[in-house]
């Protein structure tokens, strides 16, 4: 019985110390937990809003807005943003990584060997809209995490998407 009491006391002390250290954890960990708060439904609504925006203001103005890191299509402190591609897998707009704009990402693979952009494009082309799970580097951690993407075909030249880390 005494052994159990000591074990419980050690366990409680460990938990207390771990909780006391929590405020000193790196900012990236807190940002990642913010991403978990974004729901699948919010992401879908966000992408649908972006598709409607293209139809409202035209492709050129919409792409400019989607790539504006301080614009209306970058939300939740950058955790939710729009990416836009043509059907050749060339990035036309990206709300978080502007360096991707203009690049052909046909061969972009995740750590599992999946051709990420091709899968997203194929879902938009085949079904008009849908979900794809893939790996993508989480800027908060610098490591690849699993992401759920939602894409929608806007027209024969453009598809949009966004994603949330799982």
C-alpha atoms as a PDB file:
ATOM      1  CA  UNK A   1       0.000   0.000   0.000  1.00  0.00           C
ATOM      2  CA  UNK A   2       2.830   2.347   0.846  1.00  0.00           C
ATOM      3  CA  UNK A   3       4.360   1.704  -2.623  1.00  0.00           C
ATOM      4  CA  UNK A   4       1.076   2.748  -4.290  1.00  0.00           C
ATOM      5  CA  UNK A   5       0.938   5.973  -2.233  1.00  0.00           C
ATOM      6  CA  UNK A   6       4.490   6.897  -3.211  1.00  0.00           C
ATOM      7  CA  UNK A   7       3.774   6.102  -6.871  1.00  0.00           C
ATOM      8  CA  UNK A   8       0.652   8.273  -6.840  1.00  0.00           C
ATOM      9  CA  UNK A   9       2.550  11.111  -5.139  1.00  0.00           C
ATOM     10  CA  UNK A  10       5.349  10.958  -7.747  1.00  0.00           C
ATOM     11  CA  UNK A  11       2.812  10.905 -10.563  1.00  0.00           C
ATOM     12  CA  UNK A  12       0.949  13.929  -9.168  1.00  0.00           C
ATOM     13  CA  UNK A  13       4.192  15.832  -8.687  1.00  0.00           C
ATOM     14  CA  UNK A  14       5.176  15.091 -12.318  1.00  0.00           C
ATOM     15  CA  UNK A  15       1.833  16.310 -13.615  1.00  0.00           C
ATOM     16  CA  UNK A  16       2.063  19.460 -11.497  1.00  0.00           C
ATOM     17  CA  UNK A  17       5.561  20.214 -12.819  1.00  0.00           C
ATOM     18  CA  UNK A  18       4.486  19.557 -16.398  1.00  0.00           C
ATOM     19  CA  UNK A  19       1.545  21.929 -16.047  1.00  0.00           C
ATOM     20  CA  UNK A  20       3.738  24.554 -14.439  1.00  0.00           C
ATOM     21  CA  UNK A  21       6.051  24.447 -17.481  1.00  0.00           C
ATOM     22  CA  UNK A  22       3.193  24.848 -19.978  1.00  0.00           C
ATOM     23  CA  UNK A  23       3.352  28.675 -20.318  1.00  0.00           C
ATOM     24  CA  UNK A  24       6.992  28.425 -21.400  1.00  0.00           C
ATOM     25  CA  UNK A  25       6.260  26.130 -24.353  1.00  0.00           C
ATOM     26  CA  UNK A  26       7.210  27.540 -27.752  1.00  0.00           C
ATOM     27  CA  UNK A  27       4.757  29.765 -29.604  1.00  0.00           C
ATOM     28  CA  UNK A  28       4.482  27.193 -32.403  1.00  0.00           C
ATOM     29  CA  UNK A  29       2.741  24.701 -30.106  1.00  0.00           C
ATOM     30  CA  UNK A  30       0.074  27.207 -29.146  1.00  0.00           C
ATOM     31  CA  UNK A  31      -0.437  28.196 -32.798  1.00  0.00           C
ATOM     32  CA  UNK A  32      -0.865  24.569 -33.799  1.00  0.00           C
ATOM     33  CA  UNK A  33      -3.609  24.103 -31.215  1.00  0.00           C
ATOM     34  CA  UNK A  34      -5.378  27.144 -32.690  1.00  0.00           C
ATOM     35  CA  UNK A  35      -5.496  25.313 -36.020  1.00  0.00           C
ATOM     36  CA  UNK A  36      -7.274  22.397 -34.372  1.00  0.00           C
ATOM     37  CA  UNK A  37     -10.101  24.769 -33.475  1.00  0.00           C
ATOM     38  CA  UNK A  38     -10.930  25.349 -37.160  1.00  0.00           C
ATOM     39  CA  UNK A  39     -13.680  22.944 -38.117  1.00  0.00           C
ATOM     40  CA  UNK A  40     -14.160  21.085 -41.365  1.00  0.00           C
ATOM     41  CA  UNK A  41     -17.427  22.982 -41.861  1.00  0.00           C
ATOM     42  CA  UNK A  42     -15.699  26.357 -41.417  1.00  0.00           C
ATOM     43  CA  UNK A  43     -13.095  25.362 -43.993  1.00  0.00           C
ATOM     44  CA  UNK A  44     -15.763  24.318 -46.524  1.00  0.00           C
ATOM     45  CA  UNK A  45     -17.676  27.562 -46.032  1.00  0.00           C
ATOM     46  CA  UNK A  46     -14.423  29.527 -46.425  1.00  0.00           C
ATOM     47  CA  UNK A  47     -13.566  27.877 -49.770  1.00  0.00           C
ATOM     48  CA  UNK A  48     -17.131  28.327 -51.028  1.00  0.00           C
ATOM     49  CA  UNK A  49     -16.939  32.011 -50.046  1.00  0.00           C
ATOM     50  CA  UNK A  50     -13.701  32.325 -52.038  1.00  0.00           C
ATOM     51  CA  UNK A  51     -15.267  30.670 -55.111  1.00  0.00           C
ATOM     52  CA  UNK A  52     -18.197  33.097 -54.934  1.00  0.00           C
ATOM     53  CA  UNK A  53     -15.702  35.959 -54.614  1.00  0.00           C
ATOM     54  CA  UNK A  54     -14.029  34.943 -57.910  1.00  0.00           C
ATOM     55  CA  UNK A  55     -17.400  35.104 -59.656  1.00  0.00           C
ATOM     56  CA  UNK A  56     -18.149  38.467 -58.030  1.00  0.00           C
ATOM     57  CA  UNK A  57     -14.900  40.353 -58.742  1.00  0.00           C
ATOM     58  CA  UNK A  58     -13.253  38.317 -61.492  1.00  0.00           C
ATOM     59  CA  UNK A  59     -10.267  36.001 -61.482  1.00  0.00           C
ATOM     60  CA  UNK A  60      -7.494  38.611 -61.610  1.00  0.00           C
ATOM     61  CA  UNK A  61      -8.763  40.647 -58.642  1.00  0.00           C
ATOM     62  CA  UNK A  62      -9.591  37.502 -56.660  1.00  0.00           C
ATOM     63  CA  UNK A  63      -6.139  35.970 -57.161  1.00  0.00           C
ATOM     64  CA  UNK A  64      -4.537  39.189 -55.987  1.00  0.00           C
ATOM     65  CA  UNK A  65      -6.708  39.173 -52.854  1.00  0.00           C
ATOM     66  CA  UNK A  66      -6.034  35.466 -52.172  1.00  0.00           C
ATOM     67  CA  UNK A  67      -2.265  36.149 -52.183  1.00  0.00           C
ATOM     68  CA  UNK A  68      -2.564  39.144 -49.851  1.00  0.00           C
ATOM     69  CA  UNK A  69      -1.328  37.872 -46.457  1.00  0.00           C
ATOM     70  CA  UNK A  70      -3.288  40.672 -44.763  1.00  0.00           C
ATOM     71  CA  UNK A  71      -6.350  40.281 -46.968  1.00  0.00           C
ATOM     72  CA  UNK A  72      -9.806  38.925 -46.258  1.00  0.00           C
ATOM     73  CA  UNK A  73      -8.892  35.371 -47.319  1.00  0.00           C
ATOM     74  CA  UNK A  74      -6.166  34.819 -44.734  1.00  0.00           C
ATOM     75  CA  UNK A  75      -7.737  34.129 -41.354  1.00  0.00           C
ATOM     76  CA  UNK A  76      -7.090  32.619 -37.950  1.00  0.00           C
ATOM     77  CA  UNK A  77      -3.611  34.185 -37.799  1.00  0.00           C
ATOM     78  CA  UNK A  78      -2.644  32.565 -41.092  1.00  0.00           C
ATOM     79  CA  UNK A  79      -3.938  29.107 -40.198  1.00  0.00           C
ATOM     80  CA  UNK A  80      -6.715  29.350 -42.793  1.00  0.00           C
ATOM     81  CA  UNK A  81      -5.944  30.665 -46.260  1.00  0.00           C
ATOM     82  CA  UNK A  82      -6.865  30.079 -49.891  1.00  0.00           C
ATOM     83  CA  UNK A  83      -4.667  28.532 -52.547  1.00  0.00           C
ATOM     84  CA  UNK A  84      -5.549  28.702 -56.239  1.00  0.00           C
ATOM     85  CA  UNK A  85      -4.250  26.564 -59.113  1.00  0.00           C
ATOM     86  CA  UNK A  86      -4.893  25.998 -62.769  1.00  0.00           C
ATOM     87  CA  UNK A  87      -5.527  22.462 -64.009  1.00  0.00           C
ATOM     88  CA  UNK A  88      -1.858  22.058 -64.998  1.00  0.00           C
ATOM     89  CA  UNK A  89      -0.977  22.319 -61.268  1.00  0.00           C
ATOM     90  CA  UNK A  90       0.549  25.792 -61.555  1.00  0.00           C
ATOM     91  CA  UNK A  91      -0.007  27.820 -58.396  1.00  0.00           C
ATOM     92  CA  UNK A  92      -1.845  31.065 -59.207  1.00  0.00           C
ATOM     93  CA  UNK A  93      -2.311  32.374 -55.655  1.00  0.00           C
ATOM     94  CA  UNK A  94      -1.303  31.298 -52.172  1.00  0.00           C
ATOM     95  CA  UNK A  95      -2.329  33.094 -49.004  1.00  0.00           C
ATOM     96  CA  UNK A  96       0.522  31.840 -46.867  1.00  0.00           C
ATOM     97  CA  UNK A  97       3.467  31.033 -49.150  1.00  0.00           C
ATOM     98  CA  UNK A  98       3.682  33.585 -51.977  1.00  0.00           C
ATOM     99  CA  UNK A  99       6.907  31.942 -53.234  1.00  0.00           C
ATOM    100  CA  UNK A 100       4.758  29.109 -54.621  1.00  0.00           C
ATOM    101  CA  UNK A 101       2.910  31.446 -57.019  1.00  0.00           C
ATOM    102  CA  UNK A 102       3.878  30.762 -60.623  1.00  0.00           C
ATOM    103  CA  UNK A 103       5.432  27.378 -59.830  1.00  0.00           C
ATOM    104  CA  UNK A 104       4.366  24.111 -61.430  1.00  0.00           C
ATOM    105  CA  UNK A 105       3.764  21.772 -58.484  1.00  0.00           C
ATOM    106  CA  UNK A 106       2.717  18.727 -60.523  1.00  0.00           C
ATOM    107  CA  UNK A 107       5.440  16.630 -58.894  1.00  0.00           C
ATOM    108  CA  UNK A 108       4.972  17.903 -55.294  1.00  0.00           C
ATOM    109  CA  UNK A 109       5.001  14.821 -53.060  1.00  0.00           C
ATOM    110  CA  UNK A 110       4.383  14.373 -49.356  1.00  0.00           C
ATOM    111  CA  UNK A 111       6.400  12.025 -47.126  1.00  0.00           C
ATOM    112  CA  UNK A 112       4.147   9.132 -48.175  1.00  0.00           C
ATOM    113  CA  UNK A 113       4.945   9.659 -51.867  1.00  0.00           C
ATOM    114  CA  UNK A 114       1.491  11.020 -52.720  1.00  0.00           C
ATOM    115  CA  UNK A 115       1.360  13.602 -55.493  1.00  0.00           C
ATOM    116  CA  UNK A 116      -0.430  16.200 -53.397  1.00  0.00           C
ATOM    117  CA  UNK A 117      -1.390  18.887 -55.931  1.00  0.00           C
ATOM    118  CA  UNK A 118      -2.386  16.292 -58.524  1.00  0.00           C
ATOM    119  CA  UNK A 119      -4.704  14.624 -56.006  1.00  0.00           C
ATOM    120  CA  UNK A 120      -6.290  17.947 -55.082  1.00  0.00           C
ATOM    121  CA  UNK A 121      -6.658  18.910 -58.761  1.00  0.00           C
ATOM    122  CA  UNK A 122      -8.109  15.536 -59.725  1.00  0.00           C
ATOM    123  CA  UNK A 123     -10.724  15.769 -56.972  1.00  0.00           C
ATOM    124  CA  UNK A 124     -11.785  19.234 -58.165  1.00  0.00           C
ATOM    125  CA  UNK A 125     -11.814  18.169 -61.828  1.00  0.00           C
ATOM    126  CA  UNK A 126     -13.605  14.850 -61.316  1.00  0.00           C
ATOM    127  CA  UNK A 127     -16.116  15.726 -58.595  1.00  0.00           C
ATOM    128  CA  UNK A 128     -16.356  19.526 -58.747  1.00  0.00           C
ATOM    129  CA  UNK A 129     -15.466  19.642 -55.043  1.00  0.00           C
ATOM    130  CA  UNK A 130     -14.265  17.353 -52.304  1.00  0.00           C
ATOM    131  CA  UNK A 131     -11.785  16.399 -49.603  1.00  0.00           C
ATOM    132  CA  UNK A 132      -8.233  15.052 -49.829  1.00  0.00           C
ATOM    133  CA  UNK A 133      -5.968  14.058 -46.944  1.00  0.00           C
ATOM    134  CA  UNK A 134      -2.270  14.722 -47.511  1.00  0.00           C
ATOM    135  CA  UNK A 135       0.995  15.678 -45.854  1.00  0.00           C
ATOM    136  CA  UNK A 136       2.206  19.289 -45.793  1.00  0.00           C
ATOM    137  CA  UNK A 137       4.896  21.074 -43.797  1.00  0.00           C
ATOM    138  CA  UNK A 138       3.296  22.864 -40.865  1.00  0.00           C
ATOM    139  CA  UNK A 139       4.944  26.290 -40.619  1.00  0.00           C
ATOM    140  CA  UNK A 140       4.350  26.295 -36.860  1.00  0.00           C
ATOM    141  CA  UNK A 141       6.496  23.180 -36.342  1.00  0.00           C
ATOM    142  CA  UNK A 142       8.624  22.945 -39.501  1.00  0.00           C
ATOM    143  CA  UNK A 143       7.571  19.288 -39.790  1.00  0.00           C
ATOM    144  CA  UNK A 144       5.159  17.606 -42.143  1.00  0.00           C
ATOM    145  CA  UNK A 145       1.751  17.102 -40.612  1.00  0.00           C
ATOM    146  CA  UNK A 146      -1.404  15.487 -41.947  1.00  0.00           C
ATOM    147  CA  UNK A 147      -3.775  17.945 -43.508  1.00  0.00           C
ATOM    148  CA  UNK A 148      -7.337  17.703 -44.730  1.00  0.00           C
ATOM    149  CA  UNK A 149      -7.828  19.799 -47.833  1.00  0.00           C
ATOM    150  CA  UNK A 150     -11.081  20.892 -49.400  1.00  0.00           C
ATOM    151  CA  UNK A 151     -11.119  21.921 -53.071  1.00  0.00           C
ATOM    152  CA  UNK A 152     -13.697  23.346 -55.421  1.00  0.00           C
ATOM    153  CA  UNK A 153     -13.686  23.785 -59.179  1.00  0.00           C
ATOM    154  CA  UNK A 154     -14.494  27.401 -60.048  1.00  0.00           C
ATOM    155  CA  UNK A 155     -14.444  26.959 -63.844  1.00  0.00           C
ATOM    156  CA  UNK A 156     -12.481  25.074 -66.517  1.00  0.00           C
ATOM    157  CA  UNK A 157      -9.351  27.107 -65.769  1.00  0.00           C
ATOM    158  CA  UNK A 158      -9.298  27.458 -61.981  1.00  0.00           C
ATOM    159  CA  UNK A 159      -9.741  25.499 -58.762  1.00  0.00           C
ATOM    160  CA  UNK A 160      -9.388  26.698 -55.176  1.00  0.00           C
ATOM    161  CA  UNK A 161      -8.704  25.046 -51.886  1.00  0.00           C
ATOM    162  CA  UNK A 162      -7.827  25.376 -48.253  1.00  0.00           C
ATOM    163  CA  UNK A 163      -6.827  22.937 -45.542  1.00  0.00           C
ATOM    164  CA  UNK A 164      -6.690  22.254 -41.844  1.00  0.00           C
ATOM    165  CA  UNK A 165      -4.111  20.252 -39.927  1.00  0.00           C
ATOM    166  CA  UNK A 166      -5.474  17.080 -38.398  1.00  0.00           C
END
